[in-house]
Amino acid sequence: MMKGRQALLFTSDTEFESVVRQALLGTDTIFLVARTVSDALQIACQRGRELDLVIMTFAEDCHGMTLLSAIHDCYQQLPTLVVVEKDSGHASALAYANGACVCLSKPVSLVELTNAIAALQPTARQPTAPQLAVA
């Protein structure tokens, strides 16, 4: 039996959480929801190697930046999608500087979020040529 993909969702915005759940409806994704930085760090530390995706809302405060940086430092290959407040170019720059793969601004439509998540999934990435061993 195949295990579902696991996603860490860090947000206190229940409307955004609902949009994320709709975007991943019909997938085998298991959500690990964290409402506080402490909870998100605990999930990342205990289950980081099992995670397939991180989705988080991000403010310009040091807490979100620290969380994003810590997750990126420990799991550099982990796809991370960050959503910032509307028209916050500074927060977007901070998110990218601290390891975000994709950064969107609120309000985020279902289609926009679905497309961004799909672009981060391994099946959406370009296939690599098989490696051949030379004897």
Protein backbone atom coordinates (compact mmCIF):
# COMPACT_ATOMS: atom_id res chain seq x y z
CA MET A 1 0.00 0.00 0.00
CA MET A 2 1.38 3.38 -1.02
CA LYS A 3 1.68 6.08 1.59
CA GLY A 4 0.20 9.48 0.89
CA ARG A 5 2.27 12.54 0.29
CA GLN A 6 2.77 14.63 3.41
CA ALA A 7 2.53 18.40 3.45
CA LEU A 8 3.29 20.76 6.29
CA LEU A 9 0.78 23.59 6.21
CA PHE A 10 1.75 26.50 8.46
CA THR A 11 -0.97 29.13 8.68
CA SER A 12 -3.39 30.72 11.09
CA ASP A 13 -5.59 31.79 8.17
CA THR A 14 -8.47 29.29 8.02
CA GLU A 15 -9.69 30.68 4.69
CA PHE A 16 -6.28 30.03 3.16
CA GLU A 17 -6.24 26.54 4.69
CA SER A 18 -9.57 25.85 2.99
CA VAL A 19 -8.17 26.95 -0.40
CA VAL A 20 -5.13 24.70 0.09
CA ARG A 21 -7.35 21.73 0.90
CA GLN A 22 -9.43 22.44 -2.23
CA ALA A 23 -6.28 22.74 -4.35
CA LEU A 24 -5.16 19.28 -3.22
CA LEU A 25 -8.60 17.66 -3.21
CA GLY A 26 -8.48 14.22 -4.76
CA THR A 27 -4.77 13.79 -4.12
CA ASP A 28 -3.30 11.46 -1.56
CA THR A 29 -1.88 14.38 0.45
CA ILE A 30 -1.89 14.16 4.23
CA PHE A 31 -1.90 17.59 5.87
CA LEU A 32 0.12 18.28 8.98
CA VAL A 33 -1.32 21.64 10.05
CA ALA A 34 0.65 23.94 12.36
CA ARG A 35 -0.81 27.15 13.75
CA THR A 36 2.31 28.29 15.60
CA VAL A 37 5.99 28.50 14.70
CA SER A 38 6.73 26.15 17.59
CA ASP A 39 4.34 23.51 16.25
CA ALA A 40 5.71 23.88 12.72
CA LEU A 41 9.29 23.46 13.95
CA GLN A 42 8.29 20.39 15.92
CA ILE A 43 6.69 18.81 12.85
CA ALA A 44 9.69 19.72 10.69
CA CYS A 45 12.16 18.29 13.21
CA GLN A 46 10.23 15.08 13.86
CA ARG A 47 8.92 14.36 10.35
CA GLY A 48 10.98 16.50 7.99
CA ARG A 49 12.36 13.58 5.99
CA GLU A 50 8.79 12.35 5.38
CA LEU A 51 7.54 15.71 4.08
CA ASP A 52 6.97 16.21 0.37
CA LEU A 53 5.88 19.85 0.48
CA VAL A 54 5.72 22.87 2.78
CA ILE A 55 3.07 25.54 2.32
CA MET A 56 3.14 28.53 4.62
CA THR A 57 1.82 32.02 5.04
CA PHE A 58 4.57 34.49 5.74
CA ALA A 59 4.63 37.90 7.36
CA GLU A 60 7.61 40.22 7.53
CA ASP A 61 8.24 39.25 11.14
CA CYS A 62 11.26 37.35 12.30
CA HIS A 63 9.24 34.26 13.29
CA GLY A 64 8.13 33.28 9.79
CA MET A 65 11.54 34.10 8.36
CA THR A 66 13.25 32.00 11.04
CA LEU A 67 10.91 29.06 10.42
CA LEU A 68 11.42 29.19 6.66
CA SER A 69 15.18 29.48 7.05
CA ALA A 70 15.34 26.58 9.52
CA ILE A 71 13.29 24.29 7.29
CA HIS A 72 15.39 25.23 4.26
CA ASP A 73 18.68 24.73 6.12
CA CYS A 74 17.66 21.23 7.25
CA TYR A 75 15.84 20.10 4.09
CA GLN A 76 17.20 22.06 1.13
CA GLN A 77 15.45 19.91 -1.48
CA LEU A 78 12.02 20.23 0.17
CA PRO A 79 9.69 22.24 -2.10
CA THR A 80 8.40 25.25 -0.17
CA LEU A 81 5.55 27.52 -1.25
CA VAL A 82 5.12 30.78 0.63
CA VAL A 83 2.13 33.12 0.52
CA VAL A 84 2.65 36.72 1.62
CA GLU A 85 0.28 39.58 2.28
CA LYS A 86 -0.92 41.54 -0.76
CA ASP A 87 1.65 43.73 -2.49
CA SER A 88 4.47 42.93 -0.09
CA GLY A 89 7.51 42.90 -2.32
CA HIS A 90 9.74 43.08 0.73
CA ALA A 91 8.19 39.94 2.27
CA SER A 92 8.50 38.14 -1.09
CA ALA A 93 12.18 39.04 -1.30
CA LEU A 94 12.72 37.80 2.27
CA ALA A 95 10.88 34.57 1.49
CA TYR A 96 13.02 33.84 -1.57
CA ALA A 97 16.19 34.77 0.33
CA ASN A 98 15.28 32.29 3.06
CA GLY A 99 14.53 29.29 0.84
CA ALA A 100 11.09 29.66 -0.75
CA CYS A 101 10.76 27.94 -4.13
CA VAL A 102 7.57 29.81 -5.02
CA CYS A 103 6.11 32.95 -3.48
CA LEU A 104 2.55 34.14 -4.12
CA SER A 105 0.69 37.21 -2.85
CA LYS A 106 -2.73 37.19 -1.20
CA PRO A 107 -5.42 36.91 -2.27
CA VAL A 108 -4.51 33.61 -3.93
CA SER A 109 -7.04 32.03 -6.26
CA LEU A 110 -7.68 28.30 -6.26
CA VAL A 111 -6.34 28.02 -9.82
CA GLU A 112 -3.18 29.99 -9.01
CA LEU A 113 -2.47 27.88 -5.93
CA THR A 114 -3.24 24.60 -7.71
CA ASN A 115 -0.85 25.50 -10.54
CA ALA A 116 1.90 26.56 -8.15
CA ILE A 117 1.63 23.34 -6.14
CA ALA A 118 1.60 21.23 -9.31
CA ALA A 119 4.78 22.94 -10.51
CA LEU A 120 6.53 21.91 -7.28
CA GLN A 121 5.62 18.24 -7.51
CA PRO A 122 8.25 15.77 -8.74
CA THR A 123 6.00 14.54 -11.55
CA ALA A 124 5.77 18.09 -12.91
CA ARG A 125 9.53 18.51 -13.10
CA GLN A 126 11.47 17.74 -16.23
CA PRO A 127 12.50 14.11 -16.39
CA THR A 128 16.21 13.49 -16.25
CA ALA A 129 17.98 11.18 -18.61
CA PRO A 130 18.83 7.80 -17.13
CA GLN A 131 22.38 7.50 -15.84
CA LEU A 132 24.43 4.87 -17.65
CA ALA A 133 27.32 3.18 -15.96
CA VAL A 134 30.34 2.62 -18.13
CA ALA A 135 32.34 -0.51 -17.38
